[in-house]
Amino acid sequence: MYRDTDAAPDEPGGQSPATGVPGATDLDHLLVGLQLTDSAFPSGFYTLSHGLEGFVQEGAVDRDSLPLLLHDLLRHGVGPSDATALALAHRAAAAGDWEAVAAVDRRLHATKLSQEMRRAAARTGRQLLDLAAEVFGTDGVARYHREVTARRAPGTQAVAAGVVYAAAGVPVRQAVAADLFAFCASFAGAALRLQLTDHRLAQVLLRRTAPVIAETTCQALARGFEDLGSTTFTADVMSARHERAEARLFAS
């Protein structure tokens, strides 16, 4: 009888305890990550510039400084906040500790200083949970979706992603790295629309950012709940100014 050699060792036939899909393997986890990070996945990321438009409006970034800005946002903003929250939420969801998931969610929401960043995180997170409840159909996603719908938790994007990845059985390290890549791809897409780069250089940007994604992933996995929070004060100021801009292409 055929047996997948990549099957999870503790599960007969490689059945994933999180997905209940017979024969689920590392390849299945990869496919989940590819689907969730695909720009065609309607999570609402395409409406966000992640603060980049604010920098452009203030003349504070150009083509040459774009990589430096992205790397700083990863190391000091997204990494200590969203990536760390995703890792914490993933572990809590995998353990069935939904109070801990909600606590991470509320803390992440509170650390986002500008109104537009809080709104963007909650809107994309709720959209992700709503769609994932239908796409993946797992109990964990449906349960947290009900919590967020009932307004018992804000449903930030990073925490929602942690819940979805955990429910799909995707390892936490892979989940964090995938979500960081999705952020970078969205950032590069915004840079393209803001005419800071072209299609070819956007791909160069993503490839050269890979080591920073790996570094940020490792650091996020090592942080605890009390370490959750970013220190990107310039980005916070740019976001606050962006909220009041007369014309905006992006929601953040």
C-alpha atoms as a PDB file:
ATOM      1  CA  MET A   1       0.000   0.000   0.000  1.00  0.00           C
ATOM      2  CA  TYR A   2       1.252   3.471  -0.882  1.00  0.00           C
ATOM      3  CA  ARG A   3       2.472   5.592   2.024  1.00  0.00           C
ATOM      4  CA  ASP A   4       3.709   9.139   1.669  1.00  0.00           C
ATOM      5  CA  THR A   5       7.314   9.216   2.846  1.00  0.00           C
ATOM      6  CA  ASP A   6       6.891  12.839   3.960  1.00  0.00           C
ATOM      7  CA  ALA A   7       3.998  11.964   6.256  1.00  0.00           C
ATOM      8  CA  ALA A   8       4.039  13.371   9.752  1.00  0.00           C
ATOM      9  CA  PRO A   9       5.688  10.714  11.951  1.00  0.00           C
ATOM     10  CA  ASP A  10       3.090  10.834  14.698  1.00  0.00           C
ATOM     11  CA  GLU A  11       0.090  10.646  12.394  1.00  0.00           C
ATOM     12  CA  PRO A  12      -0.932   7.468  10.540  1.00  0.00           C
ATOM     13  CA  GLY A  13      -0.790   8.102   6.832  1.00  0.00           C
ATOM     14  CA  GLY A  14       0.439  11.619   7.465  1.00  0.00           C
ATOM     15  CA  GLN A  15      -2.958  12.926   8.584  1.00  0.00           C
ATOM     16  CA  SER A  16      -2.575  16.400  10.001  1.00  0.00           C
ATOM     17  CA  PRO A  17      -4.102  16.804  13.486  1.00  0.00           C
ATOM     18  CA  ALA A  18      -4.981  20.409  12.648  1.00  0.00           C
ATOM     19  CA  THR A  19      -6.524  19.928   9.248  1.00  0.00           C
ATOM     20  CA  GLY A  20      -7.724  16.366   9.422  1.00  0.00           C
ATOM     21  CA  VAL A  21      -6.688  15.974   5.783  1.00  0.00           C
ATOM     22  CA  PRO A  22      -5.485  12.451   4.990  1.00  0.00           C
ATOM     23  CA  GLY A  23      -1.927  12.507   3.648  1.00  0.00           C
ATOM     24  CA  ALA A  24      -1.235  16.067   4.793  1.00  0.00           C
ATOM     25  CA  THR A  25       2.504  16.754   4.567  1.00  0.00           C
ATOM     26  CA  ASP A  26       4.997  19.593   4.519  1.00  0.00           C
ATOM     27  CA  LEU A  27       3.912  20.137   0.929  1.00  0.00           C
ATOM     28  CA  ASP A  28       0.347  20.791   2.102  1.00  0.00           C
ATOM     29  CA  HIS A  29       1.665  23.340   4.584  1.00  0.00           C
ATOM     30  CA  LEU A  30       3.645  25.012   1.811  1.00  0.00           C
ATOM     31  CA  LEU A  31       0.528  25.200  -0.341  1.00  0.00           C
ATOM     32  CA  VAL A  32      -1.399  26.856   2.492  1.00  0.00           C
ATOM     33  CA  GLY A  33       1.352  29.454   2.821  1.00  0.00           C
ATOM     34  CA  LEU A  34       1.405  30.076  -0.913  1.00  0.00           C
ATOM     35  CA  GLN A  35      -2.355  30.569  -0.972  1.00  0.00           C
ATOM     36  CA  LEU A  36      -2.412  32.976   1.967  1.00  0.00           C
ATOM     37  CA  THR A  37       0.527  35.051   0.681  1.00  0.00           C
ATOM     38  CA  ASP A  38      -0.742  35.206  -2.897  1.00  0.00           C
ATOM     39  CA  SER A  39      -1.577  38.772  -3.911  1.00  0.00           C
ATOM     40  CA  ALA A  40      -4.826  37.388  -5.353  1.00  0.00           C
ATOM     41  CA  PHE A  41      -5.972  36.286  -1.873  1.00  0.00           C
ATOM     42  CA  PRO A  42      -8.576  38.942  -0.960  1.00  0.00           C
ATOM     43  CA  SER A  43      -7.345  39.878   2.504  1.00  0.00           C
ATOM     44  CA  GLY A  44      -7.261  43.587   1.723  1.00  0.00           C
ATOM     45  CA  PHE A  45      -3.461  43.942   1.746  1.00  0.00           C
ATOM     46  CA  TYR A  46      -3.585  45.561  -1.695  1.00  0.00           C
ATOM     47  CA  THR A  47      -5.302  48.612  -0.128  1.00  0.00           C
ATOM     48  CA  LEU A  48      -2.363  49.252   2.226  1.00  0.00           C
ATOM     49  CA  SER A  49       1.009  50.891   1.726  1.00  0.00           C
ATOM     50  CA  HIS A  50       2.094  50.086   5.322  1.00  0.00           C
ATOM     51  CA  GLY A  51       2.997  53.722   5.910  1.00  0.00           C
ATOM     52  CA  LEU A  52       4.959  54.107   2.672  1.00  0.00           C
ATOM     53  CA  GLU A  53       2.548  56.638   1.144  1.00  0.00           C
ATOM     54  CA  GLY A  54       3.044  58.891   4.159  1.00  0.00           C
ATOM     55  CA  PHE A  55       6.807  58.860   3.615  1.00  0.00           C
ATOM     56  CA  VAL A  56       6.295  59.662  -0.067  1.00  0.00           C
ATOM     57  CA  GLN A  57       3.976  62.566   0.735  1.00  0.00           C
ATOM     58  CA  GLU A  58       6.619  64.043   3.035  1.00  0.00           C
ATOM     59  CA  GLY A  59       9.439  63.492   0.533  1.00  0.00           C
ATOM     60  CA  ALA A  60      11.170  61.267   3.094  1.00  0.00           C
ATOM     61  CA  VAL A  61      11.914  58.273   0.839  1.00  0.00           C
ATOM     62  CA  ASP A  62      13.209  57.757  -2.675  1.00  0.00           C
ATOM     63  CA  ARG A  63      14.267  54.811  -4.841  1.00  0.00           C
ATOM     64  CA  ASP A  64      17.682  54.576  -3.174  1.00  0.00           C
ATOM     65  CA  SER A  65      16.422  54.671   0.416  1.00  0.00           C
ATOM     66  CA  LEU A  66      13.441  52.373  -0.188  1.00  0.00           C
ATOM     67  CA  PRO A  67      15.303  49.154   0.799  1.00  0.00           C
ATOM     68  CA  LEU A  68      16.614  50.769   3.984  1.00  0.00           C
ATOM     69  CA  LEU A  69      13.106  51.843   4.969  1.00  0.00           C
ATOM     70  CA  LEU A  70      11.704  48.361   4.375  1.00  0.00           C
ATOM     71  CA  HIS A  71      14.480  46.734   6.406  1.00  0.00           C
ATOM     72  CA  ASP A  72      14.014  49.180   9.283  1.00  0.00           C
ATOM     73  CA  LEU A  73      10.256  48.569   9.299  1.00  0.00           C
ATOM     74  CA  LEU A  74      10.877  44.827   9.451  1.00  0.00           C
ATOM     75  CA  ARG A  75      13.469  44.952  12.214  1.00  0.00           C
ATOM     76  CA  HIS A  76      11.916  47.604  14.437  1.00  0.00           C
ATOM     77  CA  GLY A  77       8.230  47.643  13.494  1.00  0.00           C
ATOM     78  CA  VAL A  78       6.662  44.565  11.955  1.00  0.00           C
ATOM     79  CA  GLY A  79       9.070  42.132  13.592  1.00  0.00           C
ATOM     80  CA  PRO A  80       8.616  43.185  17.237  1.00  0.00           C
ATOM     81  CA  SER A  81       4.882  43.752  16.772  1.00  0.00           C
ATOM     82  CA  ASP A  82       2.999  41.798  14.094  1.00  0.00           C
ATOM     83  CA  ALA A  83       5.471  38.939  13.600  1.00  0.00           C
ATOM     84  CA  THR A  84       5.843  38.464  17.343  1.00  0.00           C
ATOM     85  CA  ALA A  85       2.069  38.571  17.812  1.00  0.00           C
ATOM     86  CA  LEU A  86       1.611  36.003  15.048  1.00  0.00           C
ATOM     87  CA  ALA A  87       4.058  33.629  16.720  1.00  0.00           C
ATOM     88  CA  LEU A  88       2.418  34.046  20.131  1.00  0.00           C
ATOM     89  CA  ALA A  89      -1.095  33.657  18.719  1.00  0.00           C
ATOM     90  CA  HIS A  90      -0.081  30.611  16.680  1.00  0.00           C
ATOM     91  CA  ARG A  91       1.295  28.827  19.741  1.00  0.00           C
ATOM     92  CA  ALA A  92      -1.697  29.767  21.875  1.00  0.00           C
ATOM     93  CA  ALA A  93      -4.195  28.679  19.205  1.00  0.00           C
ATOM     94  CA  ALA A  94      -2.373  25.382  18.682  1.00  0.00           C
ATOM     95  CA  ALA A  95      -2.640  24.792  22.448  1.00  0.00           C
ATOM     96  CA  GLY A  96      -6.330  25.747  22.483  1.00  0.00           C
ATOM     97  CA  ASP A  97      -5.673  28.719  24.786  1.00  0.00           C
ATOM     98  CA  TRP A  98      -8.135  31.192  23.268  1.00  0.00           C
ATOM     99  CA  GLU A  99      -7.884  33.637  26.164  1.00  0.00           C
ATOM    100  CA  ALA A 100      -4.178  33.972  25.402  1.00  0.00           C
ATOM    101  CA  VAL A 101      -4.926  34.490  21.706  1.00  0.00           C
ATOM    102  CA  ALA A 102      -7.343  37.311  22.557  1.00  0.00           C
ATOM    103  CA  ALA A 103      -4.838  38.862  24.983  1.00  0.00           C
ATOM    104  CA  VAL A 104      -2.196  38.988  22.246  1.00  0.00           C
ATOM    105  CA  ASP A 105      -4.773  40.445  19.876  1.00  0.00           C
ATOM    106  CA  ARG A 106      -5.731  43.243  22.250  1.00  0.00           C
ATOM    107  CA  ARG A 107      -2.123  44.089  23.055  1.00  0.00           C
ATOM    108  CA  LEU A 108      -1.122  44.251  19.387  1.00  0.00           C
ATOM    109  CA  HIS A 109      -4.097  46.476  18.621  1.00  0.00           C
ATOM    110  CA  ALA A 110      -3.162  48.812  21.489  1.00  0.00           C
ATOM    111  CA  THR A 111       0.451  49.135  20.324  1.00  0.00           C
ATOM    112  CA  LYS A 112      -0.613  50.551  16.952  1.00  0.00           C
ATOM    113  CA  LEU A 113      -0.516  54.252  17.730  1.00  0.00           C
ATOM    114  CA  SER A 114      -2.255  55.705  14.698  1.00  0.00           C
ATOM    115  CA  GLN A 115      -5.948  55.241  14.047  1.00  0.00           C
ATOM    116  CA  GLU A 116      -5.443  54.228  10.428  1.00  0.00           C
ATOM    117  CA  MET A 117      -3.013  51.451  11.378  1.00  0.00           C
ATOM    118  CA  ARG A 118      -5.426  50.079  13.992  1.00  0.00           C
ATOM    119  CA  ARG A 119      -8.301  50.196  11.533  1.00  0.00           C
ATOM    120  CA  ALA A 120      -6.275  48.612   8.736  1.00  0.00           C
ATOM    121  CA  ALA A 121      -5.065  45.788  10.970  1.00  0.00           C
ATOM    122  CA  ALA A 122      -8.582  45.032  12.231  1.00  0.00           C
ATOM    123  CA  ARG A 123     -10.225  45.274   8.823  1.00  0.00           C
ATOM    124  CA  THR A 124      -7.773  42.956   7.076  1.00  0.00           C
ATOM    125  CA  GLY A 125      -7.759  40.551  10.016  1.00  0.00           C
ATOM    126  CA  ARG A 126     -11.526  40.236  10.135  1.00  0.00           C
ATOM    127  CA  GLN A 127     -11.626  39.761   6.382  1.00  0.00           C
ATOM    128  CA  LEU A 128      -8.988  37.036   6.642  1.00  0.00           C
ATOM    129  CA  LEU A 129     -10.897  35.190   9.370  1.00  0.00           C
ATOM    130  CA  ASP A 130     -14.181  35.474   7.505  1.00  0.00           C
ATOM    131  CA  LEU A 131     -12.726  34.029   4.314  1.00  0.00           C
ATOM    132  CA  ALA A 132     -10.535  31.438   6.045  1.00  0.00           C
ATOM    133  CA  ALA A 133     -13.551  30.102   7.939  1.00  0.00           C
ATOM    134  CA  GLU A 134     -15.026  29.234   4.547  1.00  0.00           C
ATOM    135  CA  VAL A 135     -11.827  28.175   2.774  1.00  0.00           C
ATOM    136  CA  PHE A 136     -10.309  26.004   5.487  1.00  0.00           C
ATOM    137  CA  GLY A 137     -13.414  25.215   7.529  1.00  0.00           C
ATOM    138  CA  THR A 138     -11.527  24.351  10.732  1.00  0.00           C
ATOM    139  CA  ASP A 139     -13.009  24.642  14.213  1.00  0.00           C
ATOM    140  CA  GLY A 140     -10.238  26.945  15.461  1.00  0.00           C
ATOM    141  CA  VAL A 141     -10.736  29.535  12.737  1.00  0.00           C
ATOM    142  CA  ALA A 142     -14.518  29.434  13.095  1.00  0.00           C
ATOM    143  CA  ARG A 143     -14.254  29.784  16.871  1.00  0.00           C
ATOM    144  CA  TYR A 144     -11.992  32.826  16.785  1.00  0.00           C
ATOM    145  CA  HIS A 145     -14.026  34.323  13.982  1.00  0.00           C
ATOM    146  CA  ARG A 146     -17.049  34.216  16.319  1.00  0.00           C
ATOM    147  CA  GLU A 147     -15.018  35.927  19.062  1.00  0.00           C
ATOM    148  CA  VAL A 148     -14.036  38.730  16.723  1.00  0.00           C
ATOM    149  CA  THR A 149     -17.522  39.066  15.243  1.00  0.00           C
ATOM    150  CA  ALA A 150     -18.900  39.418  18.774  1.00  0.00           C
ATOM    151  CA  ARG A 151     -16.336  42.206  19.397  1.00  0.00           C
ATOM    152  CA  ARG A 152     -14.652  40.295  22.202  1.00  0.00           C
ATOM    153  CA  ALA A 153     -11.333  40.694  20.366  1.00  0.00           C
ATOM    154  CA  PRO A 154     -10.203  43.190  17.719  1.00  0.00           C
ATOM    155  CA  GLY A 155      -9.130  40.578  15.154  1.00  0.00           C
ATOM    156  CA  THR A 156      -5.854  42.117  14.022  1.00  0.00           C
ATOM    157  CA  GLN A 157      -4.372  40.704  10.836  1.00  0.00           C
ATOM    158  CA  ALA A 158      -1.284  39.158  12.426  1.00  0.00           C
ATOM    159  CA  VAL A 159      -3.257  37.357  15.124  1.00  0.00           C
ATOM    160  CA  ALA A 160      -5.850  36.196  12.593  1.00  0.00           C
ATOM    161  CA  ALA A 161      -3.019  34.838  10.439  1.00  0.00           C
ATOM    162  CA  GLY A 162      -1.553  33.041  13.440  1.00  0.00           C
ATOM    163  CA  VAL A 163      -4.891  31.375  14.128  1.00  0.00           C
ATOM    164  CA  VAL A 164      -5.356  30.352  10.494  1.00  0.00           C
ATOM    165  CA  TYR A 165      -1.842  28.978  10.103  1.00  0.00           C
ATOM    166  CA  ALA A 166      -2.119  27.035  13.365  1.00  0.00           C
ATOM    167  CA  ALA A 167      -5.461  25.576  12.338  1.00  0.00           C
ATOM    168  CA  ALA A 168      -3.959  24.483   9.019  1.00  0.00           C
ATOM    169  CA  GLY A 169      -1.072  22.790  10.806  1.00  0.00           C
ATOM    170  CA  VAL A 170       1.579  25.092   9.354  1.00  0.00           C
ATOM    171  CA  PRO A 171       4.644  25.240  11.668  1.00  0.00           C
ATOM    172  CA  VAL A 172       5.049  28.529  13.480  1.00  0.00           C
ATOM    173  CA  ARG A 173       8.436  29.374  11.928  1.00  0.00           C
ATOM    174  CA  GLN A 174       7.083  28.887   8.432  1.00  0.00           C
ATOM    175  CA  ALA A 175       3.955  30.869   9.289  1.00  0.00           C
ATOM    176  CA  VAL A 176       5.914  33.876  10.559  1.00  0.00           C
ATOM    177  CA  ALA A 177       8.255  33.889   7.564  1.00  0.00           C
ATOM    178  CA  ALA A 178       5.352  33.586   5.127  1.00  0.00           C
ATOM    179  CA  ASP A 179       3.475  36.499   6.673  1.00  0.00           C
ATOM    180  CA  LEU A 180       6.598  38.658   6.683  1.00  0.00           C
ATOM    181  CA  PHE A 181       7.076  37.892   3.007  1.00  0.00           C
ATOM    182  CA  ALA A 182       3.441  38.855   2.362  1.00  0.00           C
ATOM    183  CA  PHE A 183       4.115  42.188   4.072  1.00  0.00           C
ATOM    184  CA  CYS A 184       7.208  42.779   1.933  1.00  0.00           C
ATOM    185  CA  ALA A 185       5.407  41.832  -1.277  1.00  0.00           C
ATOM    186  CA  SER A 186       2.581  44.207  -0.386  1.00  0.00           C
ATOM    187  CA  PHE A 187       5.099  46.954   0.439  1.00  0.00           C
ATOM    188  CA  ALA A 188       6.866  46.411  -2.891  1.00  0.00           C
ATOM    189  CA  GLY A 189       3.530  46.524  -4.691  1.00  0.00           C
ATOM    190  CA  ALA A 190       2.733  49.831  -3.027  1.00  0.00           C
ATOM    191  CA  ALA A 191       6.162  51.172  -4.012  1.00  0.00           C
ATOM    192  CA  LEU A 192       5.407  50.192  -7.593  1.00  0.00           C
ATOM    193  CA  ARG A 193       2.073  52.023  -7.582  1.00  0.00           C
ATOM    194  CA  LEU A 194       3.720  55.048  -5.973  1.00  0.00           C
ATOM    195  CA  GLN A 195       6.328  55.030  -8.775  1.00  0.00           C
ATOM    196  CA  LEU A 196       9.250  54.450  -6.419  1.00  0.00           C
ATOM    197  CA  THR A 197      10.340  51.356  -8.332  1.00  0.00           C
ATOM    198  CA  ASP A 198       9.567  49.266 -11.388  1.00  0.00           C
ATOM    199  CA  HIS A 199       8.561  45.607 -11.758  1.00  0.00           C
ATOM    200  CA  ARG A 200      12.108  44.315 -12.104  1.00  0.00           C
ATOM    201  CA  LEU A 201      13.594  46.307  -9.241  1.00  0.00           C
ATOM    202  CA  ALA A 202      10.656  45.335  -7.023  1.00  0.00           C
ATOM    203  CA  GLN A 203      11.713  41.707  -7.435  1.00  0.00           C
ATOM    204  CA  VAL A 204      15.321  42.633  -6.682  1.00  0.00           C
ATOM    205  CA  LEU A 205      14.087  44.379  -3.537  1.00  0.00           C
ATOM    206  CA  LEU A 206      12.218  41.281  -2.384  1.00  0.00           C
ATOM    207  CA  ARG A 207      15.158  38.980  -2.970  1.00  0.00           C
ATOM    208  CA  ARG A 208      17.617  41.247  -1.176  1.00  0.00           C
ATOM    209  CA  THR A 209      15.227  41.491   1.747  1.00  0.00           C
ATOM    210  CA  ALA A 210      15.151  37.701   2.250  1.00  0.00           C
ATOM    211  CA  PRO A 211      18.015  37.673   4.811  1.00  0.00           C
ATOM    212  CA  VAL A 212      16.230  40.377   6.810  1.00  0.00           C
ATOM    213  CA  ILE A 213      13.036  38.304   6.732  1.00  0.00           C
ATOM    214  CA  ALA A 214      14.998  35.321   8.078  1.00  0.00           C
ATOM    215  CA  GLU A 215      16.593  37.463  10.793  1.00  0.00           C
ATOM    216  CA  THR A 216      13.261  39.026  11.752  1.00  0.00           C
ATOM    217  CA  THR A 217      11.605  35.612  11.890  1.00  0.00           C
ATOM    218  CA  CYS A 218      14.192  34.239  14.321  1.00  0.00           C
ATOM    219  CA  GLN A 219      13.884  37.271  16.580  1.00  0.00           C
ATOM    220  CA  ALA A 220      10.079  37.163  16.567  1.00  0.00           C
ATOM    221  CA  LEU A 221      10.080  33.505  17.605  1.00  0.00           C
ATOM    222  CA  ALA A 222      12.310  34.315  20.587  1.00  0.00           C
ATOM    223  CA  ARG A 223      10.145  37.111  22.027  1.00  0.00           C
ATOM    224  CA  GLY A 224       7.554  36.811  24.751  1.00  0.00           C
ATOM    225  CA  PHE A 225       4.270  38.588  25.403  1.00  0.00           C
ATOM    226  CA  GLU A 226       5.892  41.447  27.322  1.00  0.00           C
ATOM    227  CA  ASP A 227       8.224  42.171  24.396  1.00  0.00           C
ATOM    228  CA  LEU A 228       5.370  42.779  21.949  1.00  0.00           C
ATOM    229  CA  GLY A 229       5.504  46.329  20.564  1.00  0.00           C
ATOM    230  CA  SER A 230       7.300  48.372  17.921  1.00  0.00           C
ATOM    231  CA  THR A 231       9.653  51.372  18.069  1.00  0.00           C
ATOM    232  CA  THR A 232       9.153  53.088  14.713  1.00  0.00           C
ATOM    233  CA  PHE A 233       8.376  56.614  15.814  1.00  0.00           C
ATOM    234  CA  THR A 234       9.023  58.235  12.432  1.00  0.00           C
ATOM    235  CA  ALA A 235       6.640  55.758  10.787  1.00  0.00           C
ATOM    236  CA  ASP A 236       4.025  56.546  13.436  1.00  0.00           C
ATOM    237  CA  VAL A 237       4.349  60.271  12.698  1.00  0.00           C
ATOM    238  CA  MET A 238       4.068  59.661   8.958  1.00  0.00           C
ATOM    239  CA  SER A 239       0.962  57.549   9.515  1.00  0.00           C
ATOM    240  CA  ALA A 240      -0.627  60.264  11.674  1.00  0.00           C
ATOM    241  CA  ARG A 241      -0.003  62.833   8.957  1.00  0.00           C
ATOM    242  CA  HIS A 242      -1.274  60.457   6.295  1.00  0.00           C
ATOM    243  CA  GLU A 243      -4.603  60.196   8.143  1.00  0.00           C
ATOM    244  CA  ARG A 244      -5.175  63.896   7.475  1.00  0.00           C
ATOM    245  CA  ALA A 245      -3.857  64.040   3.914  1.00  0.00           C
ATOM    246  CA  GLU A 246      -6.165  65.694   1.396  1.00  0.00           C
ATOM    247  CA  ALA A 247      -5.690  62.856  -1.098  1.00  0.00           C
ATOM    248  CA  ARG A 248      -4.730  59.230  -0.416  1.00  0.00           C
ATOM    249  CA  LEU A 249      -4.210  56.294  -2.719  1.00  0.00           C
ATOM    250  CA  PHE A 250      -3.926  53.800   0.149  1.00  0.00           C
ATOM    251  CA  ALA A 251      -5.799  53.229   3.396  1.00  0.00           C
ATOM    252  CA  SER A 252      -2.534  53.303   5.338  1.00  0.00           C
END
